[in-house]
Amino acid sequence: MEECLTKQLLLLGASGCLVEKPHCGFADNFGFSFLCGHPEHTKFQAHAAGVLSHEEINARYDALRRNRRDEFTAKLDEQSKGYFP
C-alpha cells in the first residue's frame, strides 16, 4: 500500500485513485477513473499527506482519466469513436 495515492472525492466511502495502473484489490474501475475502496483510503490522500497541492492532484487525476479515455477510444472503430468527442 505504500505506492497508494488518492484524491478526496465527494463520496464518503471512497477516494479517487491517483495510481497510473492500479493493481490492488481495492481499486474499482469507475468509467475512466478508479476509486479506492480501501477501509483507510483517507490515509493515502495526497493533499493530507502533503505530497501534492490541490492543483497538482486535480491535474494528475484529469490527466489519468484523459489518458485512459484515449487508450480506450484508440481501440474503437471510426463509427464508435464518434460517441467520444
PDB file of N, CA and C in Angstrom:
ATOM      1  N   MET A   1       0.802  -1.198   0.000  1.00  0.00           N
ATOM      2  CA  MET A   1       0.000   0.000   0.000  1.00  0.00           C
ATOM      3  C   MET A   1       0.848   1.267   0.000  1.00  0.00           C
ATOM      4  N   GLU A   2       2.161   1.141   0.094  1.00  0.00           N
ATOM      5  CA  GLU A   2       2.987   2.339   0.163  1.00  0.00           C
ATOM      6  C   GLU A   2       2.986   3.136  -1.137  1.00  0.00           C
ATOM      7  N   GLU A   3       2.586   2.538  -2.253  1.00  0.00           N
ATOM      8  CA  GLU A   3       2.537   3.261  -3.522  1.00  0.00           C
ATOM      9  C   GLU A   3       1.193   3.953  -3.725  1.00  0.00           C
ATOM     10  N   CYS A   4       0.240   3.754  -2.829  1.00  0.00           N
ATOM     11  CA  CYS A   4      -1.097   4.322  -2.989  1.00  0.00           C
ATOM     12  C   CYS A   4      -1.087   5.827  -2.783  1.00  0.00           C
ATOM     13  N   LEU A   5      -1.889   6.483  -3.615  1.00  0.00           N
ATOM     14  CA  LEU A   5      -2.072   7.918  -3.524  1.00  0.00           C
ATOM     15  C   LEU A   5      -3.484   8.190  -4.012  1.00  0.00           C
ATOM     16  N   THR A   6      -4.240   8.972  -3.256  1.00  0.00           N
ATOM     17  CA  THR A   6      -5.637   9.193  -3.609  1.00  0.00           C
ATOM     18  C   THR A   6      -5.999  10.668  -3.596  1.00  0.00           C
ATOM     19  N   LYS A   7      -7.171  10.943  -4.178  1.00  0.00           N
ATOM     20  CA  LYS A   7      -7.748  12.288  -4.230  1.00  0.00           C
ATOM     21  C   LYS A   7      -9.073  12.234  -3.487  1.00  0.00           C
ATOM     22  N   GLN A   8      -9.314  13.195  -2.635  1.00  0.00           N
ATOM     23  CA  GLN A   8     -10.576  13.257  -1.906  1.00  0.00           C
ATOM     24  C   GLN A   8     -11.712  13.524  -2.887  1.00  0.00           C
ATOM     25  N   LEU A   9     -12.779  12.753  -2.760  1.00  0.00           N
ATOM     26  CA  LEU A   9     -13.967  12.923  -3.580  1.00  0.00           C
ATOM     27  C   LEU A   9     -15.158  13.255  -2.689  1.00  0.00           C
ATOM     28  N   LEU A  10     -16.268  13.561  -3.303  1.00  0.00           N
ATOM     29  CA  LEU A  10     -17.477  13.836  -2.533  1.00  0.00           C
ATOM     30  C   LEU A  10     -18.073  12.569  -1.940  1.00  0.00           C
ATOM     31  N   LEU A  11     -17.722  11.416  -2.515  1.00  0.00           N
ATOM     32  CA  LEU A  11     -18.199  10.147  -1.973  1.00  0.00           C
ATOM     33  C   LEU A  11     -17.514   9.885  -0.636  1.00  0.00           C
ATOM     34  N   LEU A  12     -18.273   9.532   0.361  1.00  0.00           N
ATOM     35  CA  LEU A  12     -17.686   9.327   1.683  1.00  0.00           C
ATOM     36  C   LEU A  12     -16.940   8.011   1.815  1.00  0.00           C
ATOM     37  N   GLY A  13     -17.350   7.003   1.064  1.00  0.00           N
ATOM     38  CA  GLY A  13     -16.748   5.682   1.232  1.00  0.00           C
ATOM     39  C   GLY A  13     -15.614   5.364   0.295  1.00  0.00           C
ATOM     40  N   ALA A  14     -15.162   6.335  -0.495  1.00  0.00           N
ATOM     41  CA  ALA A  14     -14.096   6.063  -1.451  1.00  0.00           C
ATOM     42  C   ALA A  14     -13.339   7.345  -1.771  1.00  0.00           C
ATOM     43  N   SER A  15     -12.142   7.178  -2.312  1.00  0.00           N
ATOM     44  CA  SER A  15     -11.340   8.284  -2.809  1.00  0.00           C
ATOM     45  C   SER A  15     -10.984   7.974  -4.255  1.00  0.00           C
ATOM     46  N   GLY A  16     -10.558   8.977  -4.999  1.00  0.00           N
ATOM     47  CA  GLY A  16     -10.108   8.761  -6.370  1.00  0.00           C
ATOM     48  C   GLY A  16      -8.675   8.272  -6.364  1.00  0.00           C
ATOM     49  N   CYS A  17      -8.400   7.201  -7.089  1.00  0.00           N
ATOM     50  CA  CYS A  17      -7.063   6.622  -7.132  1.00  0.00           C
ATOM     51  C   CYS A  17      -6.188   7.434  -8.081  1.00  0.00           C
ATOM     52  N   LEU A  18      -4.986   7.800  -7.635  1.00  0.00           N
ATOM     53  CA  LEU A  18      -4.045   8.568  -8.440  1.00  0.00           C
ATOM     54  C   LEU A  18      -2.905   7.708  -8.971  1.00  0.00           C
ATOM     55  N   VAL A  19      -3.039   6.401  -8.861  1.00  0.00           N
ATOM     56  CA  VAL A  19      -2.024   5.475  -9.372  1.00  0.00           C
ATOM     57  C   VAL A  19      -2.315   5.228 -10.848  1.00  0.00           C
ATOM     58  N   GLU A  20      -1.286   5.269 -11.677  1.00  0.00           N
ATOM     59  CA  GLU A  20      -1.498   5.151 -13.119  1.00  0.00           C
ATOM     60  C   GLU A  20      -2.149   3.829 -13.509  1.00  0.00           C
ATOM     61  N   LYS A  21      -1.632   2.732 -13.031  1.00  0.00           N
ATOM     62  CA  LYS A  21      -2.203   1.417 -13.334  1.00  0.00           C
ATOM     63  C   LYS A  21      -2.403   0.661 -12.024  1.00  0.00           C
ATOM     64  N   PRO A  22      -3.484   0.982 -11.316  1.00  0.00           N
ATOM     65  CA  PRO A  22      -3.714   0.346 -10.012  1.00  0.00           C
ATOM     66  C   PRO A  22      -3.944  -1.154 -10.166  1.00  0.00           C
ATOM     67  N   HIS A  23      -3.347  -1.908  -9.275  1.00  0.00           N
ATOM     68  CA  HIS A  23      -3.482  -3.362  -9.335  1.00  0.00           C
ATOM     69  C   HIS A  23      -3.877  -3.975  -7.988  1.00  0.00           C
ATOM     70  N   CYS A  24      -4.172  -3.152  -7.011  1.00  0.00           N
ATOM     71  CA  CYS A  24      -4.563  -3.694  -5.708  1.00  0.00           C
ATOM     72  C   CYS A  24      -6.032  -4.120  -5.741  1.00  0.00           C
ATOM     73  N   GLY A  25      -6.447  -4.847  -4.776  1.00  0.00           N
ATOM     74  CA  GLY A  25      -7.814  -5.344  -4.712  1.00  0.00           C
ATOM     75  C   GLY A  25      -8.842  -4.301  -4.303  1.00  0.00           C
ATOM     76  N   PHE A  26      -8.408  -3.101  -3.971  1.00  0.00           N
ATOM     77  CA  PHE A  26      -9.325  -2.049  -3.527  1.00  0.00           C
ATOM     78  C   PHE A  26      -9.661  -1.048  -4.618  1.00  0.00           C
ATOM     79  N   ALA A  27      -8.967  -1.115  -5.768  1.00  0.00           N
ATOM     80  CA  ALA A  27      -9.200  -0.183  -6.869  1.00  0.00           C
ATOM     81  C   ALA A  27     -10.367  -0.690  -7.715  1.00  0.00           C
ATOM     82  N   ASP A  28     -11.407   0.107  -7.801  1.00  0.00           N
ATOM     83  CA  ASP A  28     -12.597  -0.238  -8.585  1.00  0.00           C
ATOM     84  C   ASP A  28     -12.712   0.698  -9.776  1.00  0.00           C
ATOM     85  N   ASN A  29     -12.824   0.105 -10.965  1.00  0.00           N
ATOM     86  CA  ASN A  29     -12.959   0.886 -12.187  1.00  0.00           C
ATOM     87  C   ASN A  29     -14.299   1.610 -12.172  1.00  0.00           C
ATOM     88  N   PHE A  30     -14.254   2.903 -12.456  1.00  0.00           N
ATOM     89  CA  PHE A  30     -15.451   3.736 -12.495  1.00  0.00           C
ATOM     90  C   PHE A  30     -15.327   4.638 -13.710  1.00  0.00           C
ATOM     91  N   GLY A  31     -15.852   4.193 -14.836  1.00  0.00           N
ATOM     92  CA  GLY A  31     -15.672   4.931 -16.079  1.00  0.00           C
ATOM     93  C   GLY A  31     -14.214   4.897 -16.481  1.00  0.00           C
ATOM     94  N   PHE A  32     -13.613   6.066 -16.645  1.00  0.00           N
ATOM     95  CA  PHE A  32     -12.196   6.140 -16.991  1.00  0.00           C
ATOM     96  C   PHE A  32     -11.351   6.471 -15.766  1.00  0.00           C
ATOM     97  N   SER A  33     -11.934   6.347 -14.590  1.00  0.00           N
ATOM     98  CA  SER A  33     -11.240   6.591 -13.332  1.00  0.00           C
ATOM     99  C   SER A  33     -11.258   5.314 -12.496  1.00  0.00           C
ATOM    100  N   PHE A  34     -10.517   5.354 -11.417  1.00  0.00           N
ATOM    101  CA  PHE A  34     -10.551   4.268 -10.441  1.00  0.00           C
ATOM    102  C   PHE A  34     -10.875   4.872  -9.086  1.00  0.00           C
ATOM    103  N   LEU A  35     -11.684   4.168  -8.326  1.00  0.00           N
ATOM    104  CA  LEU A  35     -12.000   4.576  -6.961  1.00  0.00           C
ATOM    105  C   LEU A  35     -11.250   3.673  -6.003  1.00  0.00           C
ATOM    106  N   CYS A  36     -10.759   4.244  -4.923  1.00  0.00           N
ATOM    107  CA  CYS A  36     -10.075   3.467  -3.887  1.00  0.00           C
ATOM    108  C   CYS A  36     -11.093   3.166  -2.787  1.00  0.00           C
ATOM    109  N   GLY A  37     -11.390   1.892  -2.619  1.00  0.00           N
ATOM    110  CA  GLY A  37     -12.337   1.481  -1.598  1.00  0.00           C
ATOM    111  C   GLY A  37     -11.667   0.918  -0.357  1.00  0.00           C
ATOM    112  N   HIS A  38     -10.386   1.191  -0.191  1.00  0.00           N
ATOM    113  CA  HIS A  38      -9.655   0.699   0.976  1.00  0.00           C
ATOM    114  C   HIS A  38     -10.297   1.270   2.240  1.00  0.00           C
ATOM    115  N   PRO A  39     -10.437   0.462   3.292  1.00  0.00           N
ATOM    116  CA  PRO A  39     -11.060   0.962   4.524  1.00  0.00           C
ATOM    117  C   PRO A  39     -10.361   2.202   5.098  1.00  0.00           C
ATOM    118  N   GLU A  40      -9.074   2.370   4.822  1.00  0.00           N
ATOM    119  CA  GLU A  40      -8.329   3.526   5.324  1.00  0.00           C
ATOM    120  C   GLU A  40      -7.869   4.424   4.167  1.00  0.00           C
ATOM    121  N   HIS A  41      -8.713   4.551   3.151  1.00  0.00           N
ATOM    122  CA  HIS A  41      -8.347   5.314   1.951  1.00  0.00           C
ATOM    123  C   HIS A  41      -7.969   6.760   2.237  1.00  0.00           C
ATOM    124  N   THR A  42      -8.501   7.337   3.298  1.00  0.00           N
ATOM    125  CA  THR A  42      -8.193   8.736   3.599  1.00  0.00           C
ATOM    126  C   THR A  42      -6.732   8.921   4.025  1.00  0.00           C
ATOM    127  N   LYS A  43      -6.079   7.875   4.481  1.00  0.00           N
ATOM    128  CA  LYS A  43      -4.667   7.967   4.864  1.00  0.00           C
ATOM    129  C   LYS A  43      -3.761   8.143   3.645  1.00  0.00           C
ATOM    130  N   PHE A  44      -4.270   7.804   2.472  1.00  0.00           N
ATOM    131  CA  PHE A  44      -3.473   7.878   1.246  1.00  0.00           C
ATOM    132  C   PHE A  44      -3.719   9.162   0.469  1.00  0.00           C
ATOM    133  N   GLN A  45      -4.531  10.062   0.992  1.00  0.00           N
ATOM    134  CA  GLN A  45      -4.863  11.281   0.256  1.00  0.00           C
ATOM    135  C   GLN A  45      -3.628  12.166   0.110  1.00  0.00           C
ATOM    136  N   ALA A  46      -3.344  12.511  -1.131  1.00  0.00           N
ATOM    137  CA  ALA A  46      -2.122  13.239  -1.469  1.00  0.00           C
ATOM    138  C   ALA A  46      -2.035  14.589  -0.769  1.00  0.00           C
ATOM    139  N   HIS A  47      -3.140  15.293  -0.666  1.00  0.00           N
ATOM    140  CA  HIS A  47      -3.105  16.613  -0.027  1.00  0.00           C
ATOM    141  C   HIS A  47      -2.874  16.496   1.480  1.00  0.00           C
ATOM    142  N   ALA A  48      -3.582  15.574   2.115  1.00  0.00           N
ATOM    143  CA  ALA A  48      -3.442  15.401   3.563  1.00  0.00           C
ATOM    144  C   ALA A  48      -2.028  14.943   3.922  1.00  0.00           C
ATOM    145  N   ALA A  49      -1.414  14.145   3.039  1.00  0.00           N
ATOM    146  CA  ALA A  49      -0.062  13.655   3.280  1.00  0.00           C
ATOM    147  C   ALA A  49       0.994  14.698   2.914  1.00  0.00           C
ATOM    148  N   GLY A  50       0.560  15.805   2.291  1.00  0.00           N
ATOM    149  CA  GLY A  50       1.498  16.859   1.915  1.00  0.00           C
ATOM    150  C   GLY A  50       2.339  16.503   0.704  1.00  0.00           C
ATOM    151  N   VAL A  51       1.891  15.536  -0.089  1.00  0.00           N
ATOM    152  CA  VAL A  51       2.652  15.085  -1.247  1.00  0.00           C
ATOM    153  C   VAL A  51       2.431  15.994  -2.450  1.00  0.00           C
ATOM    154  N   LEU A  52       1.187  16.404  -2.676  1.00  0.00           N
ATOM    155  CA  LEU A  52       0.826  17.243  -3.824  1.00  0.00           C
ATOM    156  C   LEU A  52      -0.130  18.347  -3.383  1.00  0.00           C
ATOM    157  N   SER A  53      -0.129  19.441  -4.133  1.00  0.00           N
ATOM    158  CA  SER A  53      -1.087  20.510  -3.869  1.00  0.00           C
ATOM    159  C   SER A  53      -2.425  20.132  -4.509  1.00  0.00           C
ATOM    160  N   HIS A  54      -3.481  20.871  -4.178  1.00  0.00           N
ATOM    161  CA  HIS A  54      -4.798  20.614  -4.773  1.00  0.00           C
ATOM    162  C   HIS A  54      -4.739  20.704  -6.297  1.00  0.00           C
ATOM    163  N   GLU A  55      -4.024  21.695  -6.811  1.00  0.00           N
ATOM    164  CA  GLU A  55      -3.912  21.873  -8.259  1.00  0.00           C
ATOM    165  C   GLU A  55      -3.196  20.687  -8.908  1.00  0.00           C
ATOM    166  N   GLU A  56      -2.125  20.218  -8.286  1.00  0.00           N
ATOM    167  CA  GLU A  56      -1.374  19.073  -8.815  1.00  0.00           C
ATOM    168  C   GLU A  56      -2.213  17.800  -8.786  1.00  0.00           C
ATOM    169  N   ILE A  57      -2.971  17.641  -7.713  1.00  0.00           N
ATOM    170  CA  ILE A  57      -3.842  16.462  -7.584  1.00  0.00           C
ATOM    171  C   ILE A  57      -4.893  16.464  -8.689  1.00  0.00           C
ATOM    172  N   ASN A  58      -5.561  17.602  -8.878  1.00  0.00           N
ATOM    173  CA  ASN A  58      -6.593  17.697  -9.912  1.00  0.00           C
ATOM    174  C   ASN A  58      -6.017  17.487 -11.304  1.00  0.00           C
ATOM    175  N   ALA A  59      -4.843  18.053 -11.566  1.00  0.00           N
ATOM    176  CA  ALA A  59      -4.207  17.892 -12.874  1.00  0.00           C
ATOM    177  C   ALA A  59      -3.838  16.429 -13.117  1.00  0.00           C
ATOM    178  N   ARG A  60      -3.311  15.769 -12.104  1.00  0.00           N
ATOM    179  CA  ARG A  60      -2.930  14.358 -12.251  1.00  0.00           C
ATOM    180  C   ARG A  60      -4.161  13.478 -12.466  1.00  0.00           C
ATOM    181  N   TYR A  61      -5.214  13.705 -11.695  1.00  0.00           N
ATOM    182  CA  TYR A  61      -6.447  12.922 -11.813  1.00  0.00           C
ATOM    183  C   TYR A  61      -7.057  13.097 -13.205  1.00  0.00           C
ATOM    184  N   ASP A  62      -7.108  14.344 -13.682  1.00  0.00           N
ATOM    185  CA  ASP A  62      -7.656  14.622 -15.010  1.00  0.00           C
ATOM    186  C   ASP A  62      -6.799  14.007 -16.111  1.00  0.00           C
ATOM    187  N   ALA A  63      -5.482  14.086 -15.966  1.00  0.00           N
ATOM    188  CA  ALA A  63      -4.579  13.507 -16.970  1.00  0.00           C
ATOM    189  C   ALA A  63      -4.736  11.990 -17.028  1.00  0.00           C
ATOM    190  N   LEU A  64      -4.850  11.345 -15.884  1.00  0.00           N
ATOM    191  CA  LEU A  64      -5.050   9.889 -15.861  1.00  0.00           C
ATOM    192  C   LEU A  64      -6.358   9.515 -16.552  1.00  0.00           C
ATOM    193  N   ARG A  65      -7.428  10.239 -16.252  1.00  0.00           N
ATOM    194  CA  ARG A  65      -8.724   9.970 -16.892  1.00  0.00           C
ATOM    195  C   ARG A  65      -8.650  10.167 -18.404  1.00  0.00           C
ATOM    196  N   ARG A  66      -8.006  11.249 -18.814  1.00  0.00           N
ATOM    197  CA  ARG A  66      -7.878  11.552 -20.236  1.00  0.00           C
ATOM    198  C   ARG A  66      -7.050  10.476 -20.955  1.00  0.00           C
ATOM    199  N   ASN A  67      -5.941  10.056 -20.350  1.00  0.00           N
ATOM    200  CA  ASN A  67      -5.094   9.022 -20.953  1.00  0.00           C
ATOM    201  C   ASN A  67      -5.828   7.693 -21.073  1.00  0.00           C
ATOM    202  N   ARG A  68      -6.576   7.318 -20.036  1.00  0.00           N
ATOM    203  CA  ARG A  68      -7.339   6.068 -20.091  1.00  0.00           C
ATOM    204  C   ARG A  68      -8.430   6.146 -21.154  1.00  0.00           C
ATOM    205  N   ARG A  69      -9.057   7.307 -21.267  1.00  0.00           N
ATOM    206  CA  ARG A  69     -10.092   7.513 -22.286  1.00  0.00           C
ATOM    207  C   ARG A  69      -9.486   7.403 -23.676  1.00  0.00           C
ATOM    208  N   ASP A  70      -8.334   8.030 -23.881  1.00  0.00           N
ATOM    209  CA  ASP A  70      -7.668   7.986 -25.182  1.00  0.00           C
ATOM    210  C   ASP A  70      -7.238   6.565 -25.550  1.00  0.00           C
ATOM    211  N   GLU A  71      -6.736   5.811 -24.580  1.00  0.00           N
ATOM    212  CA  GLU A  71      -6.363   4.415 -24.822  1.00  0.00           C
ATOM    213  C   GLU A  71      -7.588   3.594 -25.218  1.00  0.00           C
ATOM    214  N   PHE A  72      -8.700   3.837 -24.542  1.00  0.00           N
ATOM    215  CA  PHE A  72      -9.936   3.120 -24.835  1.00  0.00           C
ATOM    216  C   PHE A  72     -10.452   3.453 -26.232  1.00  0.00           C
ATOM    217  N   THR A  73     -10.527   4.738 -26.546  1.00  0.00           N
ATOM    218  CA  THR A  73     -11.089   5.140 -27.836  1.00  0.00           C
ATOM    219  C   THR A  73     -10.182   4.771 -29.008  1.00  0.00           C
ATOM    220  N   ALA A  74      -8.880   4.654 -28.784  1.00  0.00           N
ATOM    221  CA  ALA A  74      -7.961   4.271 -29.851  1.00  0.00           C
ATOM    222  C   ALA A  74      -8.272   2.876 -30.378  1.00  0.00           C
ATOM    223  N   LYS A  75      -8.885   2.044 -29.559  1.00  0.00           N
ATOM    224  CA  LYS A  75      -9.197   0.662 -29.940  1.00  0.00           C
ATOM    225  C   LYS A  75     -10.548   0.540 -30.654  1.00  0.00           C
ATOM    226  N   LEU A  76     -11.290   1.627 -30.736  1.00  0.00           N
ATOM    227  CA  LEU A  76     -12.622   1.589 -31.335  1.00  0.00           C
ATOM    228  C   LEU A  76     -12.569   1.809 -32.839  1.00  0.00           C
ATOM    229  N   ASP A  77     -13.619   1.366 -33.538  1.00  0.00           N
ATOM    230  CA  ASP A  77     -13.725   1.671 -34.964  1.00  0.00           C
ATOM    231  C   ASP A  77     -14.158   3.122 -35.120  1.00  0.00           C
ATOM    232  N   GLU A  78     -14.086   3.637 -36.334  1.00  0.00           N
ATOM    233  CA  GLU A  78     -14.353   5.062 -36.576  1.00  0.00           C
ATOM    234  C   GLU A  78     -15.769   5.480 -36.163  1.00  0.00           C
ATOM    235  N   GLN A  79     -16.751   4.648 -36.422  1.00  0.00           N
ATOM    236  CA  GLN A  79     -18.128   4.999 -36.058  1.00  0.00           C
ATOM    237  C   GLN A  79     -18.275   5.099 -34.546  1.00  0.00           C
ATOM    238  N   SER A  80     -17.707   4.174 -33.814  1.00  0.00           N
ATOM    239  CA  SER A  80     -17.806   4.179 -32.344  1.00  0.00           C
ATOM    240  C   SER A  80     -17.066   5.360 -31.737  1.00  0.00           C
ATOM    241  N   LYS A  81     -15.975   5.788 -32.366  1.00  0.00           N
ATOM    242  CA  LYS A  81     -15.209   6.922 -31.842  1.00  0.00           C
ATOM    243  C   LYS A  81     -16.065   8.191 -31.832  1.00  0.00           C
ATOM    244  N   GLY A  82     -17.065   8.255 -32.677  1.00  0.00           N
ATOM    245  CA  GLY A  82     -17.949   9.414 -32.734  1.00  0.00           C
ATOM    246  C   GLY A  82     -18.731   9.654 -31.454  1.00  0.00           C
ATOM    247  N   TYR A  83     -18.859   8.629 -30.623  1.00  0.00           N
ATOM    248  CA  TYR A  83     -19.571   8.784 -29.354  1.00  0.00           C
ATOM    249  C   TYR A  83     -18.719   9.439 -28.282  1.00  0.00           C
ATOM    250  N   PHE A  84     -17.412   9.575 -28.540  1.00  0.00           N
ATOM    251  CA  PHE A  84     -16.480  10.159 -27.582  1.00  0.00           C
ATOM    252  C   PHE A  84     -15.787  11.357 -28.219  1.00  0.00           C
ATOM    253  N   PRO A  85     -16.468  12.501 -28.243  1.00  0.00           N
ATOM    254  CA  PRO A  85     -15.881  13.696 -28.909  1.00  0.00           C
ATOM    255  C   PRO A  85     -14.636  14.203 -28.215  1.00  0.00           C
TER     256      PRO A  85
END
